[in-house]
Amino acid sequence: MRYPVNAPGFASHPVELETAGMFSGARLLQGGEPAPNGSRRGTFSLRQDDGRAVIARFRPSPFVIDPVPALEIDGRRIEVVRSFRWYELTWIALPVVLVFVGGVLGAIVGFVAAAINAQIMRTGQPLAARYLVTAGVTAFAVAAYGVIAILFLGLVGR
């Protein structure tokens, strides 16, 4: 998914952030093309309207499961999307409760479901649809955990 970056000095050369895919990391685009790498690892070189080159880099999101990384351009933090509110974060992370029931297996299933929920909450679907779909993902995670746990216990002979 692409998000426009609202940073001063890039009106004629718009910047967009493309979130990570299944097998690729997040990317910065300028004018629809991938931004060139900067001089240091993990940085990008962006051209401002006045022709000056500035360095941009991704910063870790305050919440690990947020699919949209924070962005820093020329030393200033740019808010690409608003942070999740506390109630959204609680709803998204609800499957992580499986860690208390299922240990490592519950943690794996719970964190995968929470990451999927975060992706869904960042889509442009209507709010009610996002909550319904994430509730379905959470219910599916609980059912999947139950099936995997039963199969695992059957394999080890308990």
Protein backbone atom coordinates (compact mmCIF):
# COMPACT_ATOMS: atom_id res chain seq x y z
CA MET A 1 0.00 0.00 0.00
CA ARG A 2 1.27 3.50 -0.79
CA TYR A 3 1.03 6.53 1.46
CA PRO A 4 1.85 10.10 0.38
CA VAL A 5 4.55 11.73 2.52
CA ASN A 6 3.54 15.22 3.57
CA ALA A 7 6.96 16.88 3.91
CA PRO A 8 7.86 20.48 3.07
CA GLY A 9 10.03 21.03 0.00
CA PHE A 10 8.72 18.18 -2.15
CA ALA A 11 5.79 19.74 -4.06
CA SER A 12 7.22 19.16 -7.55
CA HIS A 13 8.87 15.84 -6.62
CA PRO A 14 6.27 14.10 -4.42
CA VAL A 15 7.45 11.39 -2.05
CA GLU A 16 5.49 8.23 -1.23
CA LEU A 17 6.08 5.43 1.24
CA GLU A 18 5.29 1.91 0.07
CA THR A 19 4.78 -0.55 2.91
CA ALA A 20 6.62 -3.84 3.06
CA GLY A 21 5.32 -6.78 1.09
CA MET A 22 5.52 -10.46 1.88
CA PHE A 23 9.08 -10.74 0.55
CA SER A 24 10.22 -7.11 0.34
CA GLY A 25 10.87 -4.28 2.75
CA ALA A 26 9.29 -0.84 2.84
CA ARG A 27 10.39 1.52 0.05
CA LEU A 28 10.49 5.24 -0.57
CA LEU A 29 9.37 6.49 -3.95
CA GLN A 30 9.97 9.92 -5.43
CA GLY A 31 8.03 10.87 -8.53
CA GLY A 32 6.73 7.29 -8.74
CA GLU A 33 10.26 5.82 -8.99
CA PRO A 34 12.24 4.11 -6.22
CA ALA A 35 14.36 6.66 -4.36
CA PRO A 36 18.11 6.09 -4.81
CA ASN A 37 20.06 4.70 -1.86
CA GLY A 38 21.92 7.20 0.28
CA SER A 39 25.59 7.14 1.16
CA ARG A 40 25.02 5.15 4.36
CA ARG A 41 23.28 1.83 4.75
CA GLY A 42 19.52 2.09 5.27
CA THR A 43 19.26 5.63 3.90
CA PHE A 44 17.70 7.15 0.79
CA SER A 45 18.67 10.26 -1.13
CA LEU A 46 15.74 12.55 -1.96
CA ARG A 47 15.83 15.64 -4.18
CA GLN A 48 13.95 18.67 -2.87
CA ASP A 49 12.28 21.29 -5.07
CA ASP A 50 15.30 23.63 -4.74
CA GLY A 51 17.62 20.86 -6.04
CA ARG A 52 19.18 20.08 -2.68
CA ALA A 53 19.69 16.39 -1.84
CA VAL A 54 18.51 15.33 1.62
CA ILE A 55 18.84 12.02 3.45
CA ALA A 56 15.79 10.03 4.50
CA ARG A 57 15.62 6.90 6.63
CA PHE A 58 13.02 4.67 8.17
CA ARG A 59 12.75 4.63 11.92
CA PRO A 60 11.15 1.78 13.84
CA SER A 61 7.51 2.34 14.59
CA PRO A 62 6.76 2.76 18.30
CA PHE A 63 4.52 -0.31 18.03
CA VAL A 64 6.25 -3.29 16.48
CA ILE A 65 3.17 -4.57 14.67
CA ASP A 66 2.45 -1.30 12.80
CA PRO A 67 3.06 -1.99 9.09
CA VAL A 68 3.85 1.69 8.34
CA PRO A 69 7.33 2.65 9.56
CA ALA A 70 8.14 6.10 10.88
CA LEU A 71 10.10 8.30 8.49
CA GLU A 72 12.87 10.79 9.11
CA ILE A 73 13.82 13.29 6.39
CA ASP A 74 16.81 15.59 6.89
CA GLY A 75 16.76 14.90 10.64
CA ARG A 76 13.04 15.70 11.07
CA ARG A 77 10.51 13.02 11.93
CA ILE A 78 7.60 12.96 9.48
CA GLU A 79 4.27 11.46 10.50
CA VAL A 80 3.08 9.53 7.45
CA VAL A 81 -0.01 8.11 9.18
CA ARG A 82 -1.39 8.78 12.61
CA SER A 83 -0.38 6.32 15.30
CA PHE A 84 -2.88 3.73 16.38
CA ARG A 85 -5.06 4.89 19.26
CA TRP A 86 -4.89 2.84 22.46
CA TYR A 87 -8.21 1.10 21.78
CA GLU A 88 -7.17 0.22 18.21
CA LEU A 89 -3.89 -1.18 19.46
CA THR A 90 -5.70 -3.23 22.11
CA TRP A 91 -8.09 -4.62 19.49
CA ILE A 92 -5.26 -5.38 17.06
CA ALA A 93 -3.14 -7.13 19.69
CA LEU A 94 -5.99 -9.19 21.17
CA PRO A 95 -4.74 -12.45 19.57
CA VAL A 96 -1.46 -12.08 21.48
CA VAL A 97 -3.41 -13.21 24.58
CA LEU A 98 -2.86 -16.72 23.17
CA VAL A 99 0.66 -16.54 24.59
CA PHE A 100 -0.81 -17.01 28.08
CA VAL A 101 -2.79 -20.06 26.99
CA GLY A 102 -0.45 -21.69 24.53
CA GLY A 103 3.12 -20.67 25.28
CA VAL A 104 5.39 -20.47 22.26
CA LEU A 105 2.81 -21.87 19.86
CA GLY A 106 0.21 -19.39 21.13
CA ALA A 107 2.72 -16.55 20.81
CA ILE A 108 3.53 -17.42 17.20
CA VAL A 109 -0.11 -17.72 16.16
CA GLY A 110 -1.04 -14.61 18.18
CA PHE A 111 1.70 -12.38 16.76
CA VAL A 112 0.98 -13.46 13.18
CA ALA A 113 -2.72 -12.70 13.68
CA ALA A 114 -1.88 -9.33 15.30
CA ALA A 115 0.33 -8.40 12.33
CA ILE A 116 -2.49 -9.30 9.92
CA ASN A 117 -4.92 -7.24 12.04
CA ALA A 118 -2.58 -4.23 11.87
CA GLN A 119 -2.40 -4.53 8.08
CA ILE A 120 -6.20 -4.66 7.88
CA MET A 121 -6.62 -1.65 10.17
CA ARG A 122 -4.40 0.40 7.81
CA THR A 123 -6.60 -0.31 4.77
CA GLY A 124 -9.14 2.16 3.45
CA GLN A 125 -12.15 -0.05 4.23
CA PRO A 126 -15.01 1.40 6.29
CA LEU A 127 -14.36 1.32 10.03
CA ALA A 128 -17.06 -1.27 10.83
CA ALA A 129 -15.73 -3.59 8.11
CA ARG A 130 -12.19 -3.34 9.49
CA TYR A 131 -13.35 -4.26 12.99
CA LEU A 132 -15.47 -7.17 11.68
CA VAL A 133 -12.65 -8.56 9.55
CA THR A 134 -10.10 -8.27 12.38
CA ALA A 135 -12.57 -10.01 14.73
CA GLY A 136 -12.72 -12.83 12.16
CA VAL A 137 -8.92 -13.00 12.01
CA THR A 138 -8.77 -13.22 15.81
CA ALA A 139 -11.41 -15.96 15.91
CA PHE A 140 -9.59 -17.85 13.15
CA ALA A 141 -6.32 -17.54 15.10
CA VAL A 142 -7.92 -19.08 18.19
CA ALA A 143 -9.39 -21.93 16.09
CA ALA A 144 -6.08 -22.46 14.27
CA TYR A 145 -4.24 -22.58 17.58
CA GLY A 146 -6.68 -25.21 18.85
CA VAL A 147 -6.29 -27.39 15.76
CA ILE A 148 -2.48 -27.10 15.75
CA ALA A 149 -2.29 -27.84 19.48
CA ILE A 150 -4.51 -30.93 19.12
CA LEU A 151 -2.44 -32.18 16.18
CA PHE A 152 0.79 -31.55 18.05
CA LEU A 153 -0.44 -33.36 21.17
CA GLY A 154 -1.55 -36.27 18.97
CA LEU A 155 1.92 -36.44 17.43
CA VAL A 156 3.71 -36.55 20.78
CA GLY A 157 1.29 -39.12 22.16
CA ARG A 158 -0.45 -37.22 24.92
